[in-house]
Amino acid sequence: MHNFLFDFDSTLADTRDVAVLATQQAYAAKGLTQPSREAVVSYMGVPIEVSFAKMATETLSEPELAELYTEFRAQYHEAEKLGITLFDGIADTLTALKQRGDHLYVVSSKHSVPLQRNLDQLGLGQTFEAISGSDTVSHYKPAPDGILSLLDRFDLAADESVMIGDAKYDMQMGNNAGVATAAAMWGAADPASVKAEKPTYLLSTPAELLTI
C-alpha cells in the first residue's frame, strides 16, 4: 500500500465525547429530545445530514433539520475546545509513512471546514495531501464518492490504496470503491460490525499500518 486514506473521527483522533456532548446540546437547544450517548456513538461515521433525522424522536421538517445542523456545528466548535486528542501512535505512524514517500489523505463524513480546523488543532494541518469532507461529495458513506474523487484527482492506483477507518461504513466505502480496507480497531465502538465487513487488514495499533 502506498496511498493511505484515513477516516478522522475515532480513527485519527478521539472525538467521541465531543461529538456526544455537541449533539445532545444541539437537540436540547432546539427543544428536542436528546439522543442517548449510545445512539450518537452508533451513528459516528455517518454525516449528520443522515443521522440527525434518524436520532430525533420528533418529525422534523427540512428547515428544522437545517437549523439543527447549524446549532450542532456551533456546539461542536465550543465542545472541541475541551479537547480532541490523537490516538497513541498516530503522529509517529503518519510521520513514518510520509518519510518513506507514501501519500496520505482524509476521507470523512465531517464537513471539510471543521475537519480542517480539527487537523490544524492537532498539528496535522499540513500532513495530508488533500481532505474530502461531506460537503465535497454527492453521496455520503458508504458510497465510494470520497475515495473515487481522490483516486481520480491524484491519479492513484486503486490496488495500492487503502481506506482506514473504525466503523463498518468505512469498510463498506472502501469495498464499494474497489480499494483495500484496514480496520482501526483502536477506535472501533462496535468491533463486531467492523469485523463482519471482512476488512483486508485488521489492525490493533496504528504502527501496524507500516507493515501493510
Protein backbone atom coordinates (compact mmCIF):
# COMPACT_ATOMS: atom_id res chain seq x y z
CA MET A 1 0.00 0.00 0.00
CA HIS A 2 1.24 3.48 -0.91
CA ASN A 3 -1.93 5.60 -0.69
CA PHE A 4 -3.49 5.83 2.77
CA LEU A 5 -6.99 7.26 3.10
CA PHE A 6 -7.97 7.90 6.71
CA ASP A 7 -11.30 8.46 8.37
CA PHE A 8 -10.98 11.16 11.04
CA ASP A 9 -13.30 10.62 14.00
CA SER A 10 -12.27 7.64 16.13
CA THR A 11 -9.55 6.72 13.62
CA LEU A 12 -7.04 9.56 13.74
CA ALA A 13 -8.50 11.34 16.75
CA ASP A 14 -10.62 10.51 19.76
CA THR A 15 -13.61 12.82 19.31
CA ARG A 16 -16.33 10.62 20.78
CA ASP A 17 -17.01 12.68 23.91
CA VAL A 18 -17.01 15.93 21.94
CA ALA A 19 -19.46 14.56 19.38
CA VAL A 20 -21.83 13.23 22.03
CA LEU A 21 -21.79 16.49 24.01
CA ALA A 22 -22.30 18.69 20.95
CA THR A 23 -25.10 16.52 19.59
CA GLN A 24 -27.03 16.35 22.85
CA GLN A 25 -26.65 20.08 23.45
CA ALA A 26 -27.83 20.88 19.91
CA TYR A 27 -31.01 18.83 20.35
CA ALA A 28 -31.64 20.40 23.76
CA ALA A 29 -31.12 23.91 22.39
CA LYS A 30 -33.84 23.23 19.81
CA GLY A 31 -36.23 21.82 22.41
CA LEU A 32 -35.85 18.27 21.13
CA THR A 33 -35.41 15.02 22.99
CA GLN A 34 -31.71 14.39 23.46
CA PRO A 35 -30.44 11.18 21.84
CA SER A 36 -28.62 8.77 24.12
CA ARG A 37 -24.85 8.52 24.13
CA GLU A 38 -25.18 5.05 22.64
CA ALA A 39 -27.27 6.37 19.75
CA VAL A 40 -24.82 9.16 18.94
CA VAL A 41 -21.83 6.81 19.04
CA SER A 42 -23.60 4.27 16.83
CA TYR A 43 -24.04 6.89 14.12
CA MET A 44 -20.49 8.24 14.23
CA GLY A 45 -19.09 7.91 10.75
CA VAL A 46 -22.44 8.86 9.23
CA PRO A 47 -22.98 12.50 8.13
CA ILE A 48 -25.32 14.50 10.34
CA GLU A 49 -27.46 15.08 7.25
CA VAL A 50 -28.35 11.39 7.50
CA SER A 51 -28.13 10.59 11.21
CA PHE A 52 -29.87 13.53 12.86
CA ALA A 53 -33.34 12.83 11.45
CA LYS A 54 -32.96 9.19 12.49
CA MET A 55 -31.99 10.10 16.06
CA ALA A 56 -34.86 12.55 16.51
CA THR A 57 -38.00 11.26 18.21
CA GLU A 58 -39.88 14.18 16.68
CA THR A 59 -40.69 14.59 12.98
CA LEU A 60 -38.56 17.46 11.67
CA SER A 61 -39.01 19.49 8.51
CA GLU A 62 -36.07 20.28 6.24
CA PRO A 63 -35.78 23.84 7.61
CA GLU A 64 -35.86 22.49 11.18
CA LEU A 65 -33.15 19.98 10.33
CA ALA A 66 -31.06 22.72 8.74
CA GLU A 67 -31.33 24.75 11.95
CA LEU A 68 -30.31 21.67 13.95
CA TYR A 69 -27.22 21.17 11.76
CA THR A 70 -26.22 24.79 12.28
CA GLU A 71 -26.75 24.51 16.03
CA PHE A 72 -24.69 21.31 16.17
CA ARG A 73 -21.77 22.88 14.32
CA ALA A 74 -21.80 25.81 16.73
CA GLN A 75 -21.95 23.48 19.72
CA TYR A 76 -19.18 21.31 18.27
CA HIS A 77 -16.96 24.36 17.77
CA GLU A 78 -17.24 25.05 21.50
CA ALA A 79 -17.06 21.43 22.65
CA GLU A 80 -13.91 20.70 20.65
CA LYS A 81 -12.06 23.27 22.75
CA LEU A 82 -12.42 20.88 25.68
CA GLY A 83 -10.08 18.52 23.98
CA ILE A 84 -9.62 16.42 20.87
CA THR A 85 -6.64 14.11 21.08
CA LEU A 86 -4.75 11.92 18.65
CA PHE A 87 -4.71 8.23 19.42
CA ASP A 88 -1.40 6.92 20.70
CA GLY A 89 0.94 6.12 17.84
CA ILE A 90 -0.90 8.11 15.17
CA ALA A 91 1.57 11.00 14.95
CA ASP A 92 4.64 8.75 14.71
CA THR A 93 2.96 6.50 12.15
CA LEU A 94 1.93 9.40 9.91
CA THR A 95 5.46 10.80 10.08
CA ALA A 96 6.96 7.43 9.15
CA LEU A 97 4.58 6.95 6.22
CA LYS A 98 5.39 10.40 4.85
CA GLN A 99 9.13 9.88 5.28
CA ARG A 100 9.04 6.77 3.12
CA GLY A 101 7.15 8.64 0.40
CA ASP A 102 3.61 7.38 0.87
CA HIS A 103 0.58 9.57 0.15
CA LEU A 104 -1.85 10.50 2.91
CA TYR A 105 -5.46 11.71 2.65
CA VAL A 106 -8.51 12.12 4.88
CA VAL A 107 -11.97 10.96 3.83
CA SER A 108 -14.52 11.99 6.44
CA SER A 109 -18.26 12.35 6.95
CA LYS A 110 -17.49 15.65 8.68
CA HIS A 111 -17.82 18.94 6.81
CA SER A 112 -14.44 19.97 5.43
CA VAL A 113 -14.32 23.28 7.34
CA PRO A 114 -14.41 21.81 10.88
CA LEU A 115 -12.36 18.86 9.59
CA GLN A 116 -9.52 21.14 8.54
CA ARG A 117 -9.89 23.12 11.76
CA ASN A 118 -9.56 19.95 13.82
CA LEU A 119 -6.49 18.84 11.84
CA ASP A 120 -4.91 22.25 12.45
CA GLN A 121 -5.77 21.99 16.14
CA LEU A 122 -3.95 18.65 16.33
CA GLY A 123 -0.88 19.86 14.45
CA LEU A 124 -1.77 17.88 11.31
CA GLY A 125 -2.87 20.76 9.14
CA GLN A 126 -0.11 20.19 6.56
CA THR A 127 0.20 16.41 6.91
CA PHE A 128 -2.32 15.33 4.28
CA GLU A 129 -2.20 15.98 0.56
CA ALA A 130 -5.95 16.55 0.46
CA ILE A 131 -9.10 16.08 2.51
CA SER A 132 -12.57 15.02 1.44
CA GLY A 133 -15.46 16.17 3.64
CA SER A 134 -19.20 15.60 3.44
CA ASP A 135 -19.62 18.86 1.53
CA THR A 136 -17.39 17.68 -1.31
CA VAL A 137 -19.40 14.62 -2.40
CA SER A 138 -22.83 13.97 -3.86
CA HIS A 139 -23.32 10.71 -1.97
CA TYR A 140 -22.19 10.03 1.60
CA LYS A 141 -20.54 6.97 3.11
CA PRO A 142 -20.81 4.09 2.42
CA ALA A 143 -20.96 5.40 -1.16
CA PRO A 144 -17.46 5.48 -2.67
CA ASP A 145 -17.55 9.10 -3.90
CA GLY A 146 -14.96 10.49 -1.48
CA ILE A 147 -12.40 7.83 -2.34
CA LEU A 148 -13.07 7.78 -6.07
CA SER A 149 -12.67 11.55 -6.34
CA LEU A 150 -9.23 11.36 -4.72
CA LEU A 151 -8.14 8.41 -6.87
CA ASP A 152 -9.12 10.38 -9.95
CA ARG A 153 -7.76 13.73 -8.81
CA PHE A 154 -4.32 12.40 -7.88
CA ASP A 155 -4.17 9.53 -10.39
CA LEU A 156 -3.83 6.93 -7.63
CA ALA A 157 -3.77 3.21 -8.31
CA ALA A 158 -6.70 1.51 -6.56
CA ASP A 159 -4.66 -1.63 -5.86
CA GLU A 160 -2.11 0.47 -3.96
CA SER A 161 -4.73 2.32 -1.92
CA VAL A 162 -6.30 1.50 1.45
CA MET A 163 -9.20 3.03 3.39
CA ILE A 164 -8.55 3.10 7.13
CA GLY A 165 -11.50 3.52 9.48
CA ASP A 166 -13.13 2.48 12.74
CA ALA A 167 -16.69 1.85 11.51
CA LYS A 168 -18.48 -0.53 9.16
CA TYR A 169 -19.33 2.41 6.92
CA ASP A 170 -15.61 2.99 6.24
CA MET A 171 -15.13 -0.66 5.30
CA GLN A 172 -18.20 -0.59 3.06
CA MET A 173 -16.98 2.60 1.42
CA GLY A 174 -13.60 1.05 0.68
CA ASN A 175 -15.19 -2.08 -0.73
CA ASN A 176 -17.50 -0.01 -2.92
CA ALA A 177 -14.51 1.95 -4.22
CA GLY A 178 -12.52 -1.19 -5.01
CA VAL A 179 -9.64 -0.46 -2.63
CA ALA A 180 -8.22 -2.38 0.32
CA THR A 181 -9.66 -1.74 3.78
CA ALA A 182 -7.98 -1.54 7.17
CA ALA A 183 -9.99 -1.67 10.38
CA ALA A 184 -8.73 0.75 13.03
CA MET A 185 -9.75 -1.38 15.98
CA TRP A 186 -8.23 1.07 18.47
CA GLY A 187 -11.20 3.38 17.88
CA ALA A 188 -13.99 0.96 16.96
CA ALA A 189 -17.16 1.43 19.00
CA ASP A 190 -18.72 -1.72 17.53
CA PRO A 191 -15.88 -4.14 16.73
CA ALA A 192 -18.20 -6.96 15.68
CA SER A 193 -19.87 -4.91 12.94
CA VAL A 194 -16.47 -3.81 11.60
CA LYS A 195 -15.12 -7.37 11.51
CA ALA A 196 -18.31 -8.53 9.79
CA GLU A 197 -17.29 -6.45 6.75
CA LYS A 198 -14.17 -8.67 6.41
CA PRO A 199 -11.56 -5.89 6.19
CA THR A 200 -8.40 -6.60 4.25
CA TYR A 201 -6.35 -5.73 7.33
CA LEU A 202 -7.38 -5.90 10.98
CA LEU A 203 -5.17 -3.51 12.94
CA SER A 204 -4.81 -3.24 16.69
CA THR A 205 -2.34 -0.33 16.65
CA PRO A 206 -1.58 2.49 14.18
CA ALA A 207 2.03 1.29 13.81
CA GLU A 208 0.76 -1.82 12.00
CA LEU A 209 -0.02 0.43 9.03
CA LEU A 210 3.71 0.43 8.33
CA THR A 211 3.61 -3.31 7.60
CA ILE A 212 0.83 -3.44 5.00
